[in-house]
Amino acid sequence: MTGWSIRTYVFCDELLWAARLNLLWIAFTLLGGVILGIGPATVAAYAVARRHAMGESFHTRREFAAVYRREFARGSLLVLPLVAAGVILAADYLYFTATEAAALRLTTYTALVALVVVAAHLLPMYVHYDLRPLACLPRASLFALAHPAGSVLLLFCLMSVTVAAASFPVLALTLAVGGWIQLNTWLCLRFFAENEARLSSKGNR
C-alpha cells in the first residue's frame, strides 16, 4: 500500500471508531434515562477513547459497559454539575441577547467559554489520572490557565466540530459527540505528556 492509501485507511478507520463511540454514548445515555445516564456514559466514552488513543487493543462495548457500571455514581457527580452549569449559562446568554443587555451577555458568554475550556481538560484528566471527581476541577482549571495555547486549540476544534454538525445534521447523530471526545482526548493526552516531560526536565536540573 502507498503512503496515501495508508493515510486514507487510517482516516476511515478513525471515522468508524468515532461513529461506534458516538453510538455507544447515545445508547448508554438513554439507558440511564438521559439525566442519570449522561454522566457515566460520558466518562465511559472518555475512558475507552483514552485507551484507543494510546493504541491499546480491547473489546470496546464490553469495556464501555464496565466503566459505565463502575463510574455510575462518580460519573454523575463529575458531569451533571457541568451540564447544569452549561444549560443555565446558555439560557442566560440567550435571555440577555434577547433583552439587549450587552454587558451581561458578554459576562455570561465569557463564563460559558471558561466552562467549556475547563470541561475539555477535566474529562480527559479524570480518566487519565487517579483523581477524585472533586479534585479534578481545580487541577483542570489551573492546567487550562497555565496552557492557553492548548485551551485555544481545544476551543477551535470544538467550534469546528459544532459548525460541521450544524451544517450537516446527520453528523450530529453519527459522529459529532464521538468525534469530539476522541479528538479532545487525543489532544489532552499530548498536552499532559508534554507537561510531565517539562516538569521532569526541570526536576532533573
N, C-alpha and C. Protein backbone atom coordinates (compact mmCIF):
# COMPACT_ATOMS: atom_id res chain seq x y z
N MET A 1 0.83 -1.20 0.00
CA MET A 1 0.00 0.00 0.00
C MET A 1 0.87 1.26 0.00
N THR A 2 0.43 2.30 -0.74
CA THR A 2 1.17 3.55 -0.77
C THR A 2 0.90 4.35 0.50
N GLY A 3 1.73 5.39 0.70
CA GLY A 3 1.54 6.23 1.87
C GLY A 3 0.17 6.87 1.88
N TRP A 4 -0.30 7.32 0.71
CA TRP A 4 -1.63 7.94 0.62
C TRP A 4 -2.72 6.94 0.96
N SER A 5 -2.57 5.71 0.49
CA SER A 5 -3.58 4.68 0.78
C SER A 5 -3.62 4.36 2.26
N ILE A 6 -2.46 4.31 2.89
CA ILE A 6 -2.41 4.03 4.32
C ILE A 6 -3.08 5.13 5.12
N ARG A 7 -2.80 6.39 4.76
CA ARG A 7 -3.42 7.52 5.45
C ARG A 7 -4.93 7.52 5.29
N THR A 8 -5.39 7.17 4.07
CA THR A 8 -6.83 7.10 3.82
C THR A 8 -7.47 6.01 4.66
N TYR A 9 -6.79 4.86 4.74
CA TYR A 9 -7.31 3.74 5.54
C TYR A 9 -7.39 4.13 7.01
N VAL A 10 -6.35 4.76 7.52
CA VAL A 10 -6.32 5.17 8.92
C VAL A 10 -7.42 6.18 9.20
N PHE A 11 -7.61 7.13 8.28
CA PHE A 11 -8.64 8.15 8.45
C PHE A 11 -10.03 7.52 8.50
N CYS A 12 -10.31 6.61 7.58
CA CYS A 12 -11.61 5.93 7.55
C CYS A 12 -11.82 5.07 8.80
N ASP A 13 -10.74 4.42 9.25
CA ASP A 13 -10.82 3.60 10.45
C ASP A 13 -11.14 4.46 11.68
N GLU A 14 -10.56 5.66 11.74
CA GLU A 14 -10.84 6.57 12.85
C GLU A 14 -12.28 7.08 12.79
N LEU A 15 -12.78 7.32 11.59
CA LEU A 15 -14.17 7.74 11.45
C LEU A 15 -15.13 6.65 11.93
N LEU A 16 -14.84 5.41 11.58
CA LEU A 16 -15.68 4.30 12.03
C LEU A 16 -15.62 4.15 13.55
N TRP A 17 -14.42 4.34 14.11
CA TRP A 17 -14.28 4.26 15.57
C TRP A 17 -15.09 5.36 16.24
N ALA A 18 -15.00 6.59 15.71
CA ALA A 18 -15.75 7.71 16.28
C ALA A 18 -17.25 7.46 16.19
N ALA A 19 -17.71 6.88 15.08
CA ALA A 19 -19.13 6.57 14.93
C ALA A 19 -19.57 5.52 15.95
N ARG A 20 -18.74 4.51 16.17
CA ARG A 20 -19.05 3.48 17.17
C ARG A 20 -19.09 4.08 18.58
N LEU A 21 -18.14 4.94 18.87
CA LEU A 21 -18.11 5.60 20.17
C LEU A 21 -19.33 6.49 20.35
N ASN A 22 -19.72 7.19 19.30
CA ASN A 22 -20.91 8.04 19.33
C ASN A 22 -22.16 7.22 19.62
N LEU A 23 -22.28 6.07 18.95
CA LEU A 23 -23.45 5.21 19.14
C LEU A 23 -23.51 4.67 20.57
N LEU A 24 -22.36 4.25 21.10
CA LEU A 24 -22.33 3.75 22.47
C LEU A 24 -22.71 4.84 23.47
N TRP A 25 -22.21 6.05 23.25
CA TRP A 25 -22.53 7.16 24.15
C TRP A 25 -24.03 7.44 24.16
N ILE A 26 -24.65 7.47 22.97
CA ILE A 26 -26.09 7.71 22.88
C ILE A 26 -26.87 6.59 23.56
N ALA A 27 -26.50 5.34 23.26
CA ALA A 27 -27.23 4.19 23.78
C ALA A 27 -27.17 4.14 25.30
N PHE A 28 -25.99 4.33 25.88
CA PHE A 28 -25.86 4.23 27.33
C PHE A 28 -26.41 5.47 28.04
N THR A 29 -26.42 6.61 27.37
CA THR A 29 -27.07 7.79 27.94
C THR A 29 -28.56 7.55 28.05
N LEU A 30 -29.16 7.00 26.99
CA LEU A 30 -30.58 6.68 27.00
C LEU A 30 -30.89 5.58 28.00
N LEU A 31 -29.95 4.63 28.17
CA LEU A 31 -30.14 3.54 29.11
C LEU A 31 -30.34 4.06 30.53
N GLY A 32 -29.69 5.15 30.86
CA GLY A 32 -29.82 5.74 32.18
C GLY A 32 -30.90 6.79 32.26
N GLY A 33 -31.77 6.86 31.25
CA GLY A 33 -32.83 7.85 31.27
C GLY A 33 -32.32 9.26 31.03
N VAL A 34 -31.24 9.40 30.30
CA VAL A 34 -30.59 10.66 29.94
C VAL A 34 -29.94 11.33 31.15
N ILE A 35 -30.73 11.77 32.11
CA ILE A 35 -30.17 12.51 33.25
C ILE A 35 -29.22 11.64 34.06
N LEU A 36 -29.63 10.42 34.35
CA LEU A 36 -28.76 9.52 35.12
C LEU A 36 -27.74 8.81 34.24
N GLY A 37 -27.95 8.85 32.93
CA GLY A 37 -27.05 8.13 32.04
C GLY A 37 -25.94 8.95 31.44
N ILE A 38 -26.15 10.27 31.32
CA ILE A 38 -25.17 11.08 30.60
C ILE A 38 -23.82 11.15 31.31
N GLY A 39 -23.83 11.15 32.65
CA GLY A 39 -22.57 11.21 33.39
C GLY A 39 -21.70 9.98 33.19
N PRO A 40 -22.18 8.79 33.56
CA PRO A 40 -21.36 7.59 33.38
C PRO A 40 -21.08 7.28 31.92
N ALA A 41 -22.01 7.61 31.01
CA ALA A 41 -21.77 7.35 29.59
C ALA A 41 -20.64 8.23 29.06
N THR A 42 -20.60 9.47 29.52
CA THR A 42 -19.54 10.39 29.07
C THR A 42 -18.19 9.96 29.61
N VAL A 43 -18.13 9.58 30.88
CA VAL A 43 -16.88 9.11 31.47
C VAL A 43 -16.42 7.83 30.78
N ALA A 44 -17.36 6.93 30.50
CA ALA A 44 -17.00 5.68 29.81
C ALA A 44 -16.46 5.97 28.41
N ALA A 45 -17.07 6.92 27.73
CA ALA A 45 -16.61 7.27 26.39
C ALA A 45 -15.19 7.83 26.43
N TYR A 46 -14.91 8.68 27.40
CA TYR A 46 -13.55 9.22 27.53
C TYR A 46 -12.56 8.14 27.94
N ALA A 47 -12.99 7.19 28.74
CA ALA A 47 -12.09 6.12 29.19
C ALA A 47 -11.67 5.23 28.01
N VAL A 48 -12.64 4.84 27.19
CA VAL A 48 -12.28 3.99 26.05
C VAL A 48 -11.55 4.80 24.97
N ALA A 49 -11.88 6.09 24.86
CA ALA A 49 -11.16 6.95 23.91
C ALA A 49 -9.69 7.07 24.30
N ARG A 50 -9.43 7.13 25.59
CA ARG A 50 -8.05 7.20 26.08
C ARG A 50 -7.29 5.93 25.70
N ARG A 51 -7.91 4.77 25.93
CA ARG A 51 -7.25 3.51 25.60
C ARG A 51 -7.01 3.39 24.10
N HIS A 52 -7.97 3.85 23.32
CA HIS A 52 -7.81 3.81 21.86
C HIS A 52 -6.68 4.74 21.42
N ALA A 53 -6.62 5.94 22.01
CA ALA A 53 -5.57 6.90 21.65
C ALA A 53 -4.19 6.40 22.03
N MET A 54 -4.12 5.55 23.05
CA MET A 54 -2.83 5.01 23.49
C MET A 54 -2.48 3.72 22.75
N GLY A 55 -3.31 3.34 21.77
CA GLY A 55 -3.01 2.19 20.93
C GLY A 55 -3.30 0.85 21.55
N GLU A 56 -4.12 0.82 22.60
CA GLU A 56 -4.45 -0.44 23.26
C GLU A 56 -5.51 -1.21 22.47
N SER A 57 -5.49 -2.51 22.60
CA SER A 57 -6.47 -3.37 21.96
C SER A 57 -7.43 -3.90 23.02
N PHE A 58 -8.73 -3.73 22.80
CA PHE A 58 -9.72 -4.16 23.80
C PHE A 58 -11.08 -4.28 23.13
N HIS A 59 -12.00 -4.95 23.85
CA HIS A 59 -13.37 -5.11 23.37
C HIS A 59 -14.13 -3.84 23.75
N THR A 60 -14.47 -3.02 22.76
CA THR A 60 -15.00 -1.68 23.02
C THR A 60 -16.29 -1.69 23.83
N ARG A 61 -17.28 -2.45 23.39
CA ARG A 61 -18.57 -2.43 24.08
C ARG A 61 -18.46 -2.98 25.49
N ARG A 62 -17.68 -4.04 25.66
CA ARG A 62 -17.52 -4.63 26.98
C ARG A 62 -16.82 -3.67 27.94
N GLU A 63 -15.78 -3.01 27.46
CA GLU A 63 -15.06 -2.05 28.29
C GLU A 63 -15.93 -0.83 28.59
N PHE A 64 -16.67 -0.37 27.61
CA PHE A 64 -17.57 0.76 27.82
C PHE A 64 -18.59 0.43 28.91
N ALA A 65 -19.19 -0.75 28.83
CA ALA A 65 -20.20 -1.16 29.82
C ALA A 65 -19.59 -1.29 31.21
N ALA A 66 -18.38 -1.82 31.28
CA ALA A 66 -17.71 -1.99 32.57
C ALA A 66 -17.44 -0.64 33.24
N VAL A 67 -16.93 0.31 32.47
CA VAL A 67 -16.66 1.64 33.03
C VAL A 67 -17.98 2.33 33.39
N TYR A 68 -19.00 2.16 32.58
CA TYR A 68 -20.31 2.74 32.83
C TYR A 68 -20.85 2.30 34.19
N ARG A 69 -20.75 1.01 34.46
CA ARG A 69 -21.23 0.50 35.75
C ARG A 69 -20.36 0.99 36.90
N ARG A 70 -19.05 0.95 36.71
CA ARG A 70 -18.12 1.33 37.77
C ARG A 70 -18.20 2.82 38.11
N GLU A 71 -18.45 3.63 37.10
CA GLU A 71 -18.44 5.08 37.29
C GLU A 71 -19.84 5.68 37.33
N PHE A 72 -20.84 4.86 37.61
CA PHE A 72 -22.21 5.37 37.54
C PHE A 72 -22.43 6.54 38.50
N ALA A 73 -21.99 6.40 39.74
CA ALA A 73 -22.18 7.47 40.73
C ALA A 73 -21.17 8.59 40.53
N ARG A 74 -19.90 8.24 40.41
CA ARG A 74 -18.86 9.27 40.28
C ARG A 74 -18.97 10.02 38.96
N GLY A 75 -19.39 9.31 37.91
CA GLY A 75 -19.57 9.96 36.62
C GLY A 75 -20.64 11.03 36.67
N SER A 76 -21.73 10.72 37.37
CA SER A 76 -22.79 11.71 37.53
C SER A 76 -22.31 12.90 38.36
N LEU A 77 -21.55 12.62 39.41
CA LEU A 77 -21.01 13.68 40.25
C LEU A 77 -20.07 14.59 39.47
N LEU A 78 -19.38 14.03 38.51
CA LEU A 78 -18.43 14.81 37.72
C LEU A 78 -19.12 15.59 36.60
N VAL A 79 -20.03 14.95 35.88
CA VAL A 79 -20.57 15.51 34.64
C VAL A 79 -21.83 16.35 34.85
N LEU A 80 -22.74 15.91 35.72
CA LEU A 80 -24.01 16.61 35.86
C LEU A 80 -23.87 18.08 36.26
N PRO A 81 -22.97 18.43 37.20
CA PRO A 81 -22.79 19.86 37.51
C PRO A 81 -22.32 20.66 36.30
N LEU A 82 -21.47 20.07 35.47
CA LEU A 82 -21.01 20.76 34.26
C LEU A 82 -22.17 20.99 33.30
N VAL A 83 -23.00 19.96 33.12
CA VAL A 83 -24.14 20.07 32.23
C VAL A 83 -25.12 21.12 32.75
N ALA A 84 -25.39 21.07 34.05
CA ALA A 84 -26.34 22.03 34.64
C ALA A 84 -25.83 23.46 34.49
N ALA A 85 -24.55 23.66 34.79
CA ALA A 85 -23.97 25.00 34.65
C ALA A 85 -24.01 25.47 33.20
N GLY A 86 -23.73 24.56 32.27
CA GLY A 86 -23.76 24.91 30.86
C GLY A 86 -25.15 25.30 30.39
N VAL A 87 -26.16 24.55 30.82
CA VAL A 87 -27.54 24.85 30.44
C VAL A 87 -27.97 26.20 31.00
N ILE A 88 -27.63 26.47 32.26
CA ILE A 88 -28.01 27.74 32.90
C ILE A 88 -27.33 28.92 32.19
N LEU A 89 -26.03 28.79 31.92
CA LEU A 89 -25.30 29.87 31.26
C LEU A 89 -25.81 30.10 29.83
N ALA A 90 -26.09 29.02 29.11
CA ALA A 90 -26.62 29.16 27.75
C ALA A 90 -27.98 29.83 27.75
N ALA A 91 -28.84 29.46 28.71
CA ALA A 91 -30.16 30.08 28.81
C ALA A 91 -30.03 31.56 29.16
N ASP A 92 -29.12 31.88 30.08
CA ASP A 92 -28.90 33.28 30.45
C ASP A 92 -28.38 34.08 29.25
N TYR A 93 -27.47 33.48 28.48
CA TYR A 93 -26.91 34.17 27.32
C TYR A 93 -28.01 34.49 26.30
N LEU A 94 -28.89 33.53 26.04
CA LEU A 94 -29.98 33.77 25.11
C LEU A 94 -30.93 34.84 25.63
N TYR A 95 -31.17 34.81 26.94
CA TYR A 95 -32.06 35.82 27.55
C TYR A 95 -31.46 37.22 27.44
N PHE A 96 -30.19 37.35 27.79
CA PHE A 96 -29.54 38.67 27.73
C PHE A 96 -29.38 39.15 26.29
N THR A 97 -29.26 38.22 25.34
CA THR A 97 -29.20 38.59 23.93
C THR A 97 -30.54 39.16 23.48
N ALA A 98 -31.62 38.52 23.91
CA ALA A 98 -32.96 38.97 23.54
C ALA A 98 -33.30 40.32 24.16
N THR A 99 -32.79 40.57 25.38
CA THR A 99 -33.10 41.82 26.08
C THR A 99 -32.05 42.90 25.79
N GLU A 100 -31.08 42.57 24.94
CA GLU A 100 -30.03 43.52 24.53
C GLU A 100 -29.24 44.06 25.72
N ALA A 101 -28.99 43.20 26.70
CA ALA A 101 -28.15 43.58 27.84
C ALA A 101 -26.72 43.19 27.50
N ALA A 102 -26.00 44.09 26.84
CA ALA A 102 -24.70 43.77 26.26
C ALA A 102 -23.67 43.34 27.30
N ALA A 103 -23.60 44.06 28.42
CA ALA A 103 -22.59 43.76 29.44
C ALA A 103 -22.83 42.39 30.06
N LEU A 104 -24.10 42.11 30.40
CA LEU A 104 -24.43 40.80 30.99
C LEU A 104 -24.26 39.68 29.98
N ARG A 105 -24.56 39.97 28.73
CA ARG A 105 -24.38 38.96 27.68
C ARG A 105 -22.91 38.61 27.52
N LEU A 106 -22.04 39.61 27.52
CA LEU A 106 -20.60 39.37 27.40
C LEU A 106 -20.07 38.60 28.60
N THR A 107 -20.54 38.96 29.80
CA THR A 107 -20.10 38.26 31.01
C THR A 107 -20.51 36.79 30.98
N THR A 108 -21.75 36.56 30.58
CA THR A 108 -22.25 35.19 30.50
C THR A 108 -21.51 34.38 29.44
N TYR A 109 -21.25 35.01 28.31
CA TYR A 109 -20.52 34.33 27.22
C TYR A 109 -19.11 33.96 27.68
N THR A 110 -18.45 34.87 28.39
CA THR A 110 -17.10 34.59 28.89
C THR A 110 -17.12 33.42 29.87
N ALA A 111 -18.12 33.42 30.75
CA ALA A 111 -18.24 32.33 31.71
C ALA A 111 -18.51 31.00 31.01
N LEU A 112 -19.30 31.02 29.95
CA LEU A 112 -19.61 29.80 29.20
C LEU A 112 -18.37 29.26 28.50
N VAL A 113 -17.58 30.16 27.92
CA VAL A 113 -16.33 29.75 27.26
C VAL A 113 -15.37 29.14 28.28
N ALA A 114 -15.27 29.79 29.45
CA ALA A 114 -14.38 29.28 30.50
C ALA A 114 -14.82 27.89 30.95
N LEU A 115 -16.14 27.68 31.08
CA LEU A 115 -16.66 26.37 31.47
C LEU A 115 -16.31 25.31 30.43
N VAL A 116 -16.45 25.65 29.16
CA VAL A 116 -16.14 24.70 28.09
C VAL A 116 -14.67 24.32 28.11
N VAL A 117 -13.80 25.32 28.30
CA VAL A 117 -12.36 25.06 28.33
C VAL A 117 -11.99 24.16 29.50
N VAL A 118 -12.53 24.46 30.67
CA VAL A 118 -12.23 23.64 31.85
C VAL A 118 -12.74 22.22 31.66
N ALA A 119 -13.96 22.08 31.14
CA ALA A 119 -14.53 20.74 30.92
C ALA A 119 -13.72 19.95 29.91
N ALA A 120 -13.18 20.64 28.89
CA ALA A 120 -12.38 19.96 27.87
C ALA A 120 -11.08 19.41 28.44
N HIS A 121 -10.59 20.01 29.51
CA HIS A 121 -9.40 19.47 30.19
C HIS A 121 -9.79 18.48 31.29
N LEU A 122 -10.89 18.74 31.95
CA LEU A 122 -11.27 17.97 33.14
C LEU A 122 -11.59 16.51 32.82
N LEU A 123 -12.37 16.28 31.78
CA LEU A 123 -12.81 14.90 31.49
C LEU A 123 -11.65 14.00 31.06
N PRO A 124 -10.78 14.44 30.14
CA PRO A 124 -9.61 13.60 29.84
C PRO A 124 -8.69 13.43 31.05
N MET A 125 -8.58 14.47 31.88
CA MET A 125 -7.73 14.39 33.07
C MET A 125 -8.27 13.36 34.05
N TYR A 126 -9.58 13.30 34.20
CA TYR A 126 -10.20 12.37 35.15
C TYR A 126 -9.92 10.92 34.78
N VAL A 127 -10.00 10.59 33.48
CA VAL A 127 -9.78 9.20 33.07
C VAL A 127 -8.30 8.86 32.94
N HIS A 128 -7.45 9.88 32.86
CA HIS A 128 -6.02 9.62 32.67
C HIS A 128 -5.28 9.49 34.01
N TYR A 129 -5.71 10.26 35.00
CA TYR A 129 -5.05 10.25 36.30
C TYR A 129 -5.99 9.66 37.36
N ASP A 130 -5.42 9.18 38.42
CA ASP A 130 -6.20 8.59 39.52
C ASP A 130 -6.61 9.71 40.47
N LEU A 131 -7.67 10.43 40.10
CA LEU A 131 -8.13 11.58 40.88
C LEU A 131 -9.61 11.42 41.24
N ARG A 132 -9.98 11.98 42.36
CA ARG A 132 -11.38 12.02 42.73
C ARG A 132 -12.09 13.10 41.90
N PRO A 133 -13.39 12.95 41.65
CA PRO A 133 -14.11 13.93 40.83
C PRO A 133 -13.93 15.37 41.32
N LEU A 134 -14.07 15.59 42.62
CA LEU A 134 -13.98 16.95 43.14
C LEU A 134 -12.56 17.51 43.08
N ALA A 135 -11.56 16.63 43.02
CA ALA A 135 -10.17 17.09 42.93
C ALA A 135 -9.80 17.50 41.52
N CYS A 136 -10.59 17.07 40.53
CA CYS A 136 -10.26 17.36 39.13
C CYS A 136 -10.51 18.81 38.75
N LEU A 137 -11.56 19.41 39.32
CA LEU A 137 -11.95 20.76 38.89
C LEU A 137 -10.85 21.79 39.10
N PRO A 138 -10.28 21.93 40.30
CA PRO A 138 -9.21 22.92 40.45
C PRO A 138 -7.97 22.60 39.61
N ARG A 139 -7.64 21.31 39.49
CA ARG A 139 -6.47 20.93 38.69
C ARG A 139 -6.68 21.24 37.21
N ALA A 140 -7.88 20.92 36.71
CA ALA A 140 -8.18 21.20 35.31
C ALA A 140 -8.20 22.70 35.04
N SER A 141 -8.73 23.47 35.98
CA SER A 141 -8.79 24.92 35.83
C SER A 141 -7.39 25.51 35.78
N LEU A 142 -6.51 25.08 36.67
CA LEU A 142 -5.14 25.57 36.70
C LEU A 142 -4.39 25.16 35.43
N PHE A 143 -4.62 23.93 34.98
CA PHE A 143 -3.95 23.45 33.77
C PHE A 143 -4.38 24.27 32.56
N ALA A 144 -5.68 24.58 32.47
CA ALA A 144 -6.18 25.36 31.34
C ALA A 144 -5.58 26.76 31.34
N LEU A 145 -5.46 27.37 32.54
CA LEU A 145 -4.89 28.71 32.64
C LEU A 145 -3.40 28.71 32.31
N ALA A 146 -2.71 27.63 32.71
CA ALA A 146 -1.26 27.56 32.50
C ALA A 146 -0.90 27.20 31.07
N HIS A 147 -1.86 26.72 30.29
CA HIS A 147 -1.59 26.31 28.91
C HIS A 147 -2.61 26.97 27.98
N PRO A 148 -2.52 28.28 27.80
CA PRO A 148 -3.51 29.00 26.98
C PRO A 148 -3.54 28.56 25.53
N ALA A 149 -2.37 28.22 24.97
CA ALA A 149 -2.34 27.79 23.57
C ALA A 149 -3.16 26.51 23.37
N GLY A 150 -3.01 25.56 24.30
CA GLY A 150 -3.79 24.33 24.23
C GLY A 150 -5.27 24.60 24.40
N SER A 151 -5.61 25.53 25.28
CA SER A 151 -7.02 25.87 25.50
C SER A 151 -7.64 26.47 24.25
N VAL A 152 -6.90 27.34 23.58
CA VAL A 152 -7.39 27.95 22.33
C VAL A 152 -7.56 26.88 21.26
N LEU A 153 -6.62 25.96 21.17
CA LEU A 153 -6.71 24.88 20.18
C LEU A 153 -7.94 24.02 20.43
N LEU A 154 -8.21 23.69 21.69
CA LEU A 154 -9.39 22.89 22.02
C LEU A 154 -10.67 23.63 21.65
N LEU A 155 -10.71 24.93 21.93
CA LEU A 155 -11.88 25.72 21.56
C LEU A 155 -12.08 25.74 20.04
N PHE A 156 -10.99 25.91 19.31
CA PHE A 156 -11.08 25.92 17.85
C PHE A 156 -11.60 24.58 17.33
N CYS A 157 -11.09 23.49 17.87
CA CYS A 157 -11.53 22.16 17.43
C CYS A 157 -13.01 21.94 17.75
N LEU A 158 -13.43 22.36 18.95
CA LEU A 158 -14.84 22.20 19.33
C LEU A 158 -15.74 23.03 18.43
N MET A 159 -15.31 24.26 18.11
CA MET A 159 -16.10 25.10 17.21
C MET A 159 -16.20 24.46 15.83
N SER A 160 -15.11 23.85 15.36
CA SER A 160 -15.12 23.20 14.05
C SER A 160 -16.09 22.03 14.02
N VAL A 161 -16.07 21.23 15.09
CA VAL A 161 -16.99 20.09 15.18
C VAL A 161 -18.43 20.58 15.25
N THR A 162 -18.67 21.64 16.01
CA THR A 162 -20.02 22.19 16.16
C THR A 162 -20.55 22.73 14.84
N VAL A 163 -19.71 23.47 14.12
CA VAL A 163 -20.12 24.03 12.83
C VAL A 163 -20.40 22.91 11.83
N ALA A 164 -19.55 21.89 11.82
CA ALA A 164 -19.75 20.77 10.91
C ALA A 164 -21.07 20.04 11.22
N ALA A 165 -21.34 19.84 12.52
CA ALA A 165 -22.58 19.16 12.92
C ALA A 165 -23.81 20.00 12.59
N ALA A 166 -23.69 21.33 12.73
CA ALA A 166 -24.81 22.21 12.41
C ALA A 166 -25.05 22.28 10.90
N SER A 167 -23.97 22.19 10.13
CA SER A 167 -24.10 22.26 8.67
C SER A 167 -24.61 20.96 8.08
N PHE A 168 -24.24 19.85 8.70
CA PHE A 168 -24.66 18.52 8.23
C PHE A 168 -25.28 17.77 9.40
N PRO A 169 -26.59 17.92 9.61
CA PRO A 169 -27.26 17.33 10.78
C PRO A 169 -27.01 15.84 10.98
N VAL A 170 -26.75 15.11 9.89
CA VAL A 170 -26.50 13.68 10.05
C VAL A 170 -25.26 13.44 10.89
N LEU A 171 -24.31 14.36 10.84
CA LEU A 171 -23.09 14.22 11.64
C LEU A 171 -23.39 14.33 13.13
N ALA A 172 -24.40 15.13 13.49
CA ALA A 172 -24.75 15.29 14.90
C ALA A 172 -25.21 13.98 15.51
N LEU A 173 -25.83 13.12 14.69
CA LEU A 173 -26.33 11.84 15.18
C LEU A 173 -25.31 10.72 15.07
N THR A 174 -24.38 10.85 14.13
CA THR A 174 -23.49 9.72 13.86
C THR A 174 -22.04 9.92 14.31
N LEU A 175 -21.58 11.17 14.35
CA LEU A 175 -20.14 11.36 14.59
C LEU A 175 -19.79 12.45 15.60
N ALA A 176 -20.63 13.44 15.78
CA ALA A 176 -20.23 14.66 16.49
C ALA A 176 -19.68 14.40 17.88
N VAL A 177 -20.44 13.73 18.73
CA VAL A 177 -20.01 13.51 20.11
C VAL A 177 -18.81 12.59 20.17
N GLY A 178 -18.88 11.46 19.47
CA GLY A 178 -17.77 10.52 19.48
C GLY A 178 -16.51 11.12 18.88
N GLY A 179 -16.67 11.88 17.79
CA GLY A 179 -15.51 12.52 17.17
C GLY A 179 -14.87 13.54 18.08
N TRP A 180 -15.70 14.35 18.75
CA TRP A 180 -15.15 15.35 19.67
C TRP A 180 -14.45 14.70 20.85
N ILE A 181 -15.07 13.69 21.44
CA ILE A 181 -14.47 13.02 22.61
C ILE A 181 -13.12 12.41 22.25
N GLN A 182 -13.04 11.77 21.08
CA GLN A 182 -11.77 11.16 20.68
C GLN A 182 -10.71 12.22 20.40
N LEU A 183 -11.09 13.30 19.70
CA LEU A 183 -10.14 14.37 19.40
C LEU A 183 -9.71 15.09 20.68
N ASN A 184 -10.65 15.38 21.54
CA ASN A 184 -10.37 16.03 22.81
C ASN A 184 -9.40 15.20 23.65
N THR A 185 -9.66 13.89 23.71
CA THR A 185 -8.79 13.00 24.49
C THR A 185 -7.40 12.92 23.89
N TRP A 186 -7.33 12.77 22.58
CA TRP A 186 -6.03 12.66 21.88
C TRP A 186 -5.17 13.89 22.12
N LEU A 187 -5.78 15.06 22.00
CA LEU A 187 -5.03 16.31 22.21
C LEU A 187 -4.59 16.45 23.66
N CYS A 188 -5.50 16.19 24.60
CA CYS A 188 -5.16 16.37 26.01
C CYS A 188 -4.09 15.39 26.48
N LEU A 189 -4.10 14.18 25.97
CA LEU A 189 -3.05 13.23 26.33
C LEU A 189 -1.68 13.77 25.92
N ARG A 190 -1.63 14.44 24.80
CA ARG A 190 -0.37 15.04 24.38
C ARG A 190 -0.01 16.26 25.22
N PHE A 191 -1.00 17.04 25.60
CA PHE A 191 -0.73 18.17 26.50
C PHE A 191 -0.19 17.66 27.84
N PHE A 192 -0.82 16.60 28.36
CA PHE A 192 -0.37 16.06 29.65
C PHE A 192 1.05 15.51 29.55
N ALA A 193 1.33 14.80 28.46
CA ALA A 193 2.67 14.22 28.28
C ALA A 193 3.72 15.31 28.17
N GLU A 194 3.42 16.37 27.44
CA GLU A 194 4.37 17.47 27.30
C GLU A 194 4.60 18.15 28.64
N ASN A 195 3.52 18.32 29.41
CA ASN A 195 3.65 18.95 30.72
C ASN A 195 4.49 18.09 31.67
N GLU A 196 4.25 16.77 31.65
CA GLU A 196 5.02 15.87 32.51
C GLU A 196 6.49 15.85 32.12
N ALA A 197 6.76 15.89 30.81
CA ALA A 197 8.15 15.91 30.35
C ALA A 197 8.84 17.21 30.77
N ARG A 198 8.09 18.33 30.68
CA ARG A 198 8.68 19.60 31.10
C ARG A 198 8.97 19.64 32.59
N LEU A 199 8.04 19.13 33.38
CA LEU A 199 8.24 19.09 34.83
C LEU A 199 9.40 18.16 35.20
N SER A 200 9.49 17.03 34.47
CA SER A 200 10.57 16.09 34.73
C SER A 200 11.93 16.70 34.40
N SER A 201 12.01 17.43 33.29
CA SER A 201 13.28 18.05 32.91
C SER A 201 13.69 19.12 33.91
N LYS A 202 12.72 19.85 34.47
CA LYS A 202 13.04 20.86 35.47
C LYS A 202 13.51 20.21 36.76
N GLY A 203 12.92 19.06 37.08
CA GLY A 203 13.32 18.37 38.31
C GLY A 203 14.71 17.78 38.23
N ASN A 204 15.18 17.50 37.00
CA ASN A 204 16.50 16.89 36.83
C ASN A 204 17.62 17.91 36.73
N ARG A 205 17.26 19.19 36.73
CA ARG A 205 18.29 20.21 36.62
C ARG A 205 18.97 20.46 37.96
